All heavy atoms as atom14 arrays in JSON, in Angstrom:
{
  "sequence": "LGSVAVILSVRILTILVFGMAGYDTPRHIRYQVAQF",
  "atom14_mask": [
    [1, 1, 1, 1, 1, 1, 1, 1, 0, 0, 0, 0, 0, 0],
    [1, 1, 1, 1, 0, 0, 0, 0, 0, 0, 0, 0, 0, 0],
    [1, 1, 1, 1, 1, 1, 0, 0, 0, 0, 0, 0, 0, 0],
    [1, 1, 1, 1, 1, 1, 1, 0, 0, 0, 0, 0, 0, 0],
    [1, 1, 1, 1, 1, 0, 0, 0, 0, 0, 0, 0, 0, 0],
    [1, 1, 1, 1, 1, 1, 1, 0, 0, 0, 0, 0, 0, 0],
    [1, 1, 1, 1, 1, 1, 1, 1, 0, 0, 0, 0, 0, 0],
    [1, 1, 1, 1, 1, 1, 1, 1, 0, 0, 0, 0, 0, 0],
    [1, 1, 1, 1, 1, 1, 0, 0, 0, 0, 0, 0, 0, 0],
    [1, 1, 1, 1, 1, 1, 1, 0, 0, 0, 0, 0, 0, 0],
    [1, 1, 1, 1, 1, 1, 1, 1, 1, 1, 1, 0, 0, 0],
    [1, 1, 1, 1, 1, 1, 1, 1, 0, 0, 0, 0, 0, 0],
    [1, 1, 1, 1, 1, 1, 1, 1, 0, 0, 0, 0, 0, 0],
    [1, 1, 1, 1, 1, 1, 1, 0, 0, 0, 0, 0, 0, 0],
    [1, 1, 1, 1, 1, 1, 1, 1, 0, 0, 0, 0, 0, 0],
    [1, 1, 1, 1, 1, 1, 1, 1, 0, 0, 0, 0, 0, 0],
    [1, 1, 1, 1, 1, 1, 1, 0, 0, 0, 0, 0, 0, 0],
    [1, 1, 1, 1, 1, 1, 1, 1, 1, 1, 1, 0, 0, 0],
    [1, 1, 1, 1, 0, 0, 0, 0, 0, 0, 0, 0, 0, 0],
    [1, 1, 1, 1, 1, 1, 1, 1, 0, 0, 0, 0, 0, 0],
    [1, 1, 1, 1, 1, 0, 0, 0, 0, 0, 0, 0, 0, 0],
    [1, 1, 1, 1, 0, 0, 0, 0, 0, 0, 0, 0, 0, 0],
    [1, 1, 1, 1, 1, 1, 1, 1, 1, 1, 1, 1, 0, 0],
    [1, 1, 1, 1, 1, 1, 1, 1, 0, 0, 0, 0, 0, 0],
    [1, 1, 1, 1, 1, 1, 1, 0, 0, 0, 0, 0, 0, 0],
    [1, 1, 1, 1, 1, 1, 1, 0, 0, 0, 0, 0, 0, 0],
    [1, 1, 1, 1, 1, 1, 1, 1, 1, 1, 1, 0, 0, 0],
    [1, 1, 1, 1, 1, 1, 1, 1, 1, 1, 0, 0, 0, 0],
    [1, 1, 1, 1, 1, 1, 1, 1, 0, 0, 0, 0, 0, 0],
    [1, 1, 1, 1, 1, 1, 1, 1, 1, 1, 1, 0, 0, 0],
    [1, 1, 1, 1, 1, 1, 1, 1, 1, 1, 1, 1, 0, 0],
    [1, 1, 1, 1, 1, 1, 1, 1, 1, 0, 0, 0, 0, 0],
    [1, 1, 1, 1, 1, 1, 1, 0, 0, 0, 0, 0, 0, 0],
    [1, 1, 1, 1, 1, 0, 0, 0, 0, 0, 0, 0, 0, 0],
    [1, 1, 1, 1, 1, 1, 1, 1, 1, 0, 0, 0, 0, 0],
    [1, 1, 1, 1, 1, 1, 1, 1, 1, 1, 1, 0, 0, 0]
  ],
  "atom14_positions": [
    [[-49.9, 7.81, 9.33], [-48.48, 7.51, 9.47], [-47.66, 8.77, 9.75], [-46.7, 8.73, 10.54], [-47.96, 6.83, 8.2], [-48.49, 5.41, 7.94], [-47.97, 4.89, 6.6], [-48.07, 4.46, 9.06], [0.0, 0.0, 0.0], [0.0, 0.0, 0.0], [0.0, 0.0, 0.0], [0.0, 0.0, 0.0], [0.0, 0.0, 0.0], [0.0, 0.0, 0.0]],
    [[-48.05, 9.88, 9.13], [-47.36, 11.14, 9.41], [-47.53, 11.57, 10.86], [-46.58, 12.06, 11.49], [0.0, 0.0, 0.0], [0.0, 0.0, 0.0], [0.0, 0.0, 0.0], [0.0, 0.0, 0.0], [0.0, 0.0, 0.0], [0.0, 0.0, 0.0], [0.0, 0.0, 0.0], [0.0, 0.0, 0.0], [0.0, 0.0, 0.0], [0.0, 0.0, 0.0]],
    [[-48.72, 11.36, 11.41], [-48.97, 11.71, 12.81], [-48.13, 10.84, 13.75], [-47.56, 11.34, 14.73], [-50.46, 11.54, 13.13], [-51.26, 12.35, 12.29], [0.0, 0.0, 0.0], [0.0, 0.0, 0.0], [0.0, 0.0, 0.0], [0.0, 0.0, 0.0], [0.0, 0.0, 0.0], [0.0, 0.0, 0.0], [0.0, 0.0, 0.0], [0.0, 0.0, 0.0]],
    [[-48.05, 9.54, 13.44], [-47.24, 8.65, 14.27], [-45.77, 9.04, 14.18], [-45.04, 8.99, 15.19], [-47.43, 7.18, 13.81], [-46.48, 6.25, 14.57], [-48.87, 6.75, 14.04], [0.0, 0.0, 0.0], [0.0, 0.0, 0.0], [0.0, 0.0, 0.0], [0.0, 0.0, 0.0], [0.0, 0.0, 0.0], [0.0, 0.0, 0.0], [0.0, 0.0, 0.0]],
    [[-45.3, 9.44, 13.0], [-43.9, 9.87, 12.85], [-43.6, 11.08, 13.71], [-42.52, 11.17, 14.32], [-43.62, 10.18, 11.38], [0.0, 0.0, 0.0], [0.0, 0.0, 0.0], [0.0, 0.0, 0.0], [0.0, 0.0, 0.0], [0.0, 0.0, 0.0], [0.0, 0.0, 0.0], [0.0, 0.0, 0.0], [0.0, 0.0, 0.0], [0.0, 0.0, 0.0]],
    [[-44.53, 12.02, 13.78], [-44.34, 13.21, 14.62], [-44.26, 12.8, 16.1], [-43.41, 13.29, 16.85], [-45.49, 14.22, 14.4], [-45.41, 15.35, 15.43], [-45.43, 14.78, 13.0], [0.0, 0.0, 0.0], [0.0, 0.0, 0.0], [0.0, 0.0, 0.0], [0.0, 0.0, 0.0], [0.0, 0.0, 0.0], [0.0, 0.0, 0.0], [0.0, 0.0, 0.0]],
    [[-45.13, 11.88, 16.52], [-45.12, 11.42, 17.91], [-43.79, 10.74, 18.25], [-43.22, 10.97, 19.32], [-46.3, 10.46, 18.15], [-47.63, 11.22, 18.02], [-46.2, 9.82, 19.53], [-48.85, 10.33, 18.09], [0.0, 0.0, 0.0], [0.0, 0.0, 0.0], [0.0, 0.0, 0.0], [0.0, 0.0, 0.0], [0.0, 0.0, 0.0], [0.0, 0.0, 0.0]],
    [[-43.31, 9.88, 17.33], [-42.02, 9.22, 17.56], [-40.87, 10.23, 17.65], [-39.98, 10.1, 18.5], [-41.74, 8.22, 16.44], [-42.49, 6.88, 16.5], [-42.17, 6.04, 15.28], [-42.14, 6.12, 17.77], [0.0, 0.0, 0.0], [0.0, 0.0, 0.0], [0.0, 0.0, 0.0], [0.0, 0.0, 0.0], [0.0, 0.0, 0.0], [0.0, 0.0, 0.0]],
    [[-40.9, 11.24, 16.8], [-39.85, 12.26, 16.82], [-39.85, 13.02, 18.14], [-38.79, 13.27, 18.73], [-40.04, 13.22, 15.65], [-39.98, 12.55, 14.41], [0.0, 0.0, 0.0], [0.0, 0.0, 0.0], [0.0, 0.0, 0.0], [0.0, 0.0, 0.0], [0.0, 0.0, 0.0], [0.0, 0.0, 0.0], [0.0, 0.0, 0.0], [0.0, 0.0, 0.0]],
    [[-41.04, 13.39, 18.6], [-41.14, 14.09, 19.88], [-40.65, 13.2, 21.02], [-39.96, 13.66, 21.95], [-42.6, 14.53, 20.12], [-42.77, 15.09, 21.54], [-43.01, 15.58, 19.1], [0.0, 0.0, 0.0], [0.0, 0.0, 0.0], [0.0, 0.0, 0.0], [0.0, 0.0, 0.0], [0.0, 0.0, 0.0], [0.0, 0.0, 0.0], [0.0, 0.0, 0.0]],
    [[-41.0, 11.91, 20.95], [-40.57, 10.99, 22.0], [-39.04, 10.86, 22.05], [-38.43, 10.88, 23.12], [-41.21, 9.62, 21.76], [-40.84, 8.56, 22.78], [-41.17, 8.99, 24.19], [-40.83, 7.97, 25.16], [-40.71, 8.18, 26.46], [-40.91, 9.4, 26.95], [-40.4, 7.2, 27.27], [0.0, 0.0, 0.0], [0.0, 0.0, 0.0], [0.0, 0.0, 0.0]],
    [[-38.41, 10.71, 20.88], [-36.95, 10.62, 20.82], [-36.3, 11.88, 21.37], [-35.34, 11.84, 22.14], [-36.49, 10.35, 19.38], [-36.92, 8.94, 18.95], [-34.98, 10.48, 19.26], [-36.62, 8.63, 17.5], [0.0, 0.0, 0.0], [0.0, 0.0, 0.0], [0.0, 0.0, 0.0], [0.0, 0.0, 0.0], [0.0, 0.0, 0.0], [0.0, 0.0, 0.0]],
    [[-36.84, 13.04, 20.98], [-36.3, 14.31, 21.47], [-36.45, 14.42, 22.98], [-35.54, 14.89, 23.67], [-37.02, 15.46, 20.77], [-36.54, 16.88, 21.13], [-35.08, 17.04, 20.74], [-37.4, 17.92, 20.42], [0.0, 0.0, 0.0], [0.0, 0.0, 0.0], [0.0, 0.0, 0.0], [0.0, 0.0, 0.0], [0.0, 0.0, 0.0], [0.0, 0.0, 0.0]],
    [[-37.58, 13.96, 23.5], [-37.81, 14.01, 24.95], [-36.8, 13.15, 25.7], [-36.26, 13.54, 26.74], [-39.24, 13.54, 25.27], [-40.18, 14.36, 24.57], [-39.51, 13.62, 26.76], [0.0, 0.0, 0.0], [0.0, 0.0, 0.0], [0.0, 0.0, 0.0], [0.0, 0.0, 0.0], [0.0, 0.0, 0.0], [0.0, 0.0, 0.0], [0.0, 0.0, 0.0]],
    [[-36.55, 11.95, 25.15], [-35.57, 11.05, 25.78], [-34.19, 11.68, 25.82], [-33.48, 11.65, 26.84], [-35.53, 9.7, 25.03], [-36.85, 8.95, 25.23], [-34.37, 8.85, 25.52], [-36.96, 7.7, 24.39], [0.0, 0.0, 0.0], [0.0, 0.0, 0.0], [0.0, 0.0, 0.0], [0.0, 0.0, 0.0], [0.0, 0.0, 0.0], [0.0, 0.0, 0.0]],
    [[-33.81, 12.29, 24.7], [-32.49, 12.91, 24.64], [-32.37, 14.08, 25.61], [-31.36, 14.24, 26.3], [-32.2, 13.37, 23.2], [-32.0, 12.25, 22.18], [-31.88, 12.84, 20.78], [-30.76, 11.42, 22.52], [0.0, 0.0, 0.0], [0.0, 0.0, 0.0], [0.0, 0.0, 0.0], [0.0, 0.0, 0.0], [0.0, 0.0, 0.0], [0.0, 0.0, 0.0]],
    [[-33.4, 14.91, 25.65], [-33.36, 16.1, 26.51], [-33.29, 15.71, 27.98], [-32.43, 16.2, 28.74], [-34.58, 17.01, 26.24], [-34.66, 18.1, 27.31], [-34.48, 17.62, 24.86], [0.0, 0.0, 0.0], [0.0, 0.0, 0.0], [0.0, 0.0, 0.0], [0.0, 0.0, 0.0], [0.0, 0.0, 0.0], [0.0, 0.0, 0.0], [0.0, 0.0, 0.0]],
    [[-34.18, 14.81, 28.41], [-34.18, 14.42, 29.81], [-32.95, 13.6, 30.16], [-32.46, 13.64, 31.29], [-35.46, 13.63, 30.15], [-36.64, 14.51, 30.36], [-37.55, 14.75, 29.34], [-36.87, 15.11, 31.59], [-38.64, 15.56, 29.54], [-37.96, 15.93, 31.8], [-38.86, 16.17, 30.77], [0.0, 0.0, 0.0], [0.0, 0.0, 0.0], [0.0, 0.0, 0.0]],
    [[-32.44, 12.84, 29.17], [-31.22, 12.08, 29.43], [-30.03, 12.98, 29.65], [-29.24, 12.79, 30.57], [0.0, 0.0, 0.0], [0.0, 0.0, 0.0], [0.0, 0.0, 0.0], [0.0, 0.0, 0.0], [0.0, 0.0, 0.0], [0.0, 0.0, 0.0], [0.0, 0.0, 0.0], [0.0, 0.0, 0.0], [0.0, 0.0, 0.0], [0.0, 0.0, 0.0]],
    [[-29.89, 13.98, 28.78], [-28.78, 14.92, 28.93], [-28.92, 15.76, 30.2], [-27.94, 16.29, 30.71], [-28.71, 15.83, 27.7], [-28.2, 15.1, 26.46], [-27.94, 16.2, 25.04], [-29.63, 16.68, 24.67], [0.0, 0.0, 0.0], [0.0, 0.0, 0.0], [0.0, 0.0, 0.0], [0.0, 0.0, 0.0], [0.0, 0.0, 0.0], [0.0, 0.0, 0.0]],
    [[-30.17, 15.89, 30.69], [-30.38, 16.66, 31.92], [-30.06, 15.84, 33.17], [-30.16, 16.34, 34.28], [-31.82, 17.15, 31.98], [0.0, 0.0, 0.0], [0.0, 0.0, 0.0], [0.0, 0.0, 0.0], [0.0, 0.0, 0.0], [0.0, 0.0, 0.0], [0.0, 0.0, 0.0], [0.0, 0.0, 0.0], [0.0, 0.0, 0.0], [0.0, 0.0, 0.0]],
    [[-29.69, 14.55, 32.98], [-29.28, 13.75, 34.11], [-30.36, 12.88, 34.7], [-30.18, 12.33, 35.8], [0.0, 0.0, 0.0], [0.0, 0.0, 0.0], [0.0, 0.0, 0.0], [0.0, 0.0, 0.0], [0.0, 0.0, 0.0], [0.0, 0.0, 0.0], [0.0, 0.0, 0.0], [0.0, 0.0, 0.0], [0.0, 0.0, 0.0], [0.0, 0.0, 0.0]],
    [[-31.49, 12.71, 34.02], [-32.57, 11.9, 34.56], [-32.45, 10.43, 34.18], [-33.26, 9.62, 34.58], [-33.92, 12.43, 34.07], [-34.29, 13.75, 34.67], [-34.11, 14.93, 33.96], [-34.82, 13.82, 35.94], [-34.44, 16.15, 34.5], [-35.16, 15.04, 36.51], [-34.96, 16.21, 35.78], [-35.29, 17.41, 36.34], [0.0, 0.0, 0.0], [0.0, 0.0, 0.0]],
    [[-31.46, 10.06, 33.39], [-31.32, 8.68, 32.97], [-29.85, 8.38, 32.69], [-29.04, 9.29, 32.5], [-32.14, 8.42, 31.7], [-32.7, 7.0, 31.68], [-32.12, 6.15, 32.39], [-33.69, 6.76, 30.97], [0.0, 0.0, 0.0], [0.0, 0.0, 0.0], [0.0, 0.0, 0.0], [0.0, 0.0, 0.0], [0.0, 0.0, 0.0], [0.0, 0.0, 0.0]],
    [[-29.51, 7.09, 32.64], [-28.13, 6.7, 32.35], [-27.89, 6.7, 30.85], [-28.81, 6.46, 30.07], [-27.87, 5.29, 32.9], [-28.72, 4.35, 32.23], [-28.14, 5.24, 34.41], [0.0, 0.0, 0.0], [0.0, 0.0, 0.0], [0.0, 0.0, 0.0], [0.0, 0.0, 0.0], [0.0, 0.0, 0.0], [0.0, 0.0, 0.0], [0.0, 0.0, 0.0]],
    [[-26.65, 6.94, 30.42], [-26.35, 6.95, 28.98], [-26.71, 5.63, 28.31], [-27.19, 5.61, 27.16], [-24.84, 7.2, 28.94], [-24.54, 7.92, 30.21], [-25.48, 7.35, 31.22], [0.0, 0.0, 0.0], [0.0, 0.0, 0.0], [0.0, 0.0, 0.0], [0.0, 0.0, 0.0], [0.0, 0.0, 0.0], [0.0, 0.0, 0.0], [0.0, 0.0, 0.0]],
    [[-26.5, 4.51, 28.99], [-26.82, 3.21, 28.4], [-28.32, 3.06, 28.16], [-28.76, 2.58, 27.11], [-26.33, 2.1, 29.32], [-26.57, 0.7, 28.76], [-25.99, -0.35, 29.7], [-26.22, -1.69, 29.18], [-25.84, -2.81, 29.8], [-25.19, -2.72, 30.96], [-26.1, -3.99, 29.26], [0.0, 0.0, 0.0], [0.0, 0.0, 0.0], [0.0, 0.0, 0.0]],
    [[-29.1, 3.48, 29.15], [-30.56, 3.4, 29.0], [-31.05, 4.33, 27.89], [-31.97, 4.01, 27.15], [-31.22, 3.74, 30.33], [-32.68, 3.41, 30.36], [-33.58, 4.05, 31.17], [-33.4, 2.5, 29.65], [-34.78, 3.55, 30.98], [-34.71, 2.61, 30.07], [0.0, 0.0, 0.0], [0.0, 0.0, 0.0], [0.0, 0.0, 0.0], [0.0, 0.0, 0.0]],
    [[-30.42, 5.49, 27.8], [-30.79, 6.45, 26.74], [-30.54, 5.84, 25.36], [-31.39, 5.89, 24.48], [-29.99, 7.75, 26.89], [-30.4, 8.46, 28.19], [-30.22, 8.67, 25.7], [-29.52, 9.64, 28.51], [0.0, 0.0, 0.0], [0.0, 0.0, 0.0], [0.0, 0.0, 0.0], [0.0, 0.0, 0.0], [0.0, 0.0, 0.0], [0.0, 0.0, 0.0]],
    [[-29.36, 5.24, 25.18], [-29.04, 4.62, 23.89], [-30.0, 3.5, 23.55], [-30.42, 3.34, 22.39], [-27.6, 4.1, 23.91], [-26.53, 5.19, 23.9], [-25.17, 4.6, 23.57], [-24.74, 3.65, 24.59], [-24.02, 3.97, 25.65], [-23.64, 5.22, 25.85], [-23.66, 3.04, 26.52], [0.0, 0.0, 0.0], [0.0, 0.0, 0.0], [0.0, 0.0, 0.0]],
    [[-30.39, 2.72, 24.55], [-31.31, 1.61, 24.32], [-32.69, 2.12, 23.87], [-33.28, 1.61, 22.91], [-31.45, 0.79, 25.61], [-32.47, -0.33, 25.51], [-32.19, -1.49, 24.81], [-33.71, -0.21, 26.15], [-33.12, -2.52, 24.72], [-34.65, -1.22, 26.06], [-34.35, -2.37, 25.35], [-35.29, -3.37, 25.26], [0.0, 0.0, 0.0], [0.0, 0.0, 0.0]],
    [[-33.18, 3.14, 24.56], [-34.49, 3.68, 24.21], [-34.48, 4.35, 22.84], [-35.39, 4.15, 22.03], [-34.94, 4.68, 25.28], [-35.35, 4.05, 26.59], [-35.89, 5.07, 27.56], [-35.4, 6.19, 27.65], [-36.91, 4.7, 28.31], [0.0, 0.0, 0.0], [0.0, 0.0, 0.0], [0.0, 0.0, 0.0], [0.0, 0.0, 0.0], [0.0, 0.0, 0.0]],
    [[-33.43, 5.12, 22.57], [-33.33, 5.79, 21.27], [-33.23, 4.77, 20.14], [-33.84, 4.93, 19.08], [-32.11, 6.73, 21.25], [-31.86, 7.25, 19.83], [-32.33, 7.89, 22.2], [0.0, 0.0, 0.0], [0.0, 0.0, 0.0], [0.0, 0.0, 0.0], [0.0, 0.0, 0.0], [0.0, 0.0, 0.0], [0.0, 0.0, 0.0], [0.0, 0.0, 0.0]],
    [[-32.48, 3.68, 20.37], [-32.34, 2.64, 19.35], [-33.69, 1.99, 19.06], [-34.02, 1.7, 17.89], [-31.33, 1.58, 19.81], [0.0, 0.0, 0.0], [0.0, 0.0, 0.0], [0.0, 0.0, 0.0], [0.0, 0.0, 0.0], [0.0, 0.0, 0.0], [0.0, 0.0, 0.0], [0.0, 0.0, 0.0], [0.0, 0.0, 0.0], [0.0, 0.0, 0.0]],
    [[-34.48, 1.75, 20.09], [-35.81, 1.15, 19.9], [-36.7, 2.07, 19.06], [-37.33, 1.62, 18.08], [-36.47, 0.89, 21.25], [-36.01, -0.37, 21.94], [-36.84, -0.69, 23.15], [-37.2, 0.2, 23.93], [-37.17, -1.95, 23.34], [0.0, 0.0, 0.0], [0.0, 0.0, 0.0], [0.0, 0.0, 0.0], [0.0, 0.0, 0.0], [0.0, 0.0, 0.0]],
    [[-36.78, 3.32, 19.43], [-37.64, 4.25, 18.69], [-37.1, 4.52, 17.29], [-37.86, 4.71, 16.35], [-37.78, 5.56, 19.47], [-38.73, 5.47, 20.63], [-38.27, 5.4, 21.93], [-40.1, 5.45, 20.41], [-39.15, 5.31, 23.0], [-40.99, 5.37, 21.47], [-40.51, 5.3, 22.77], [0.0, 0.0, 0.0], [0.0, 0.0, 0.0], [0.0, 0.0, 0.0]]
  ]
}
């Protein structure tokens, strides 16, 4: 479970970084972050 938590954290951080860099729309970013 600790390993999965680390993977989820990295995934959320990746979404935020690439979203802020302009690779995704704010709405899509919020949707993905909410899911994770």
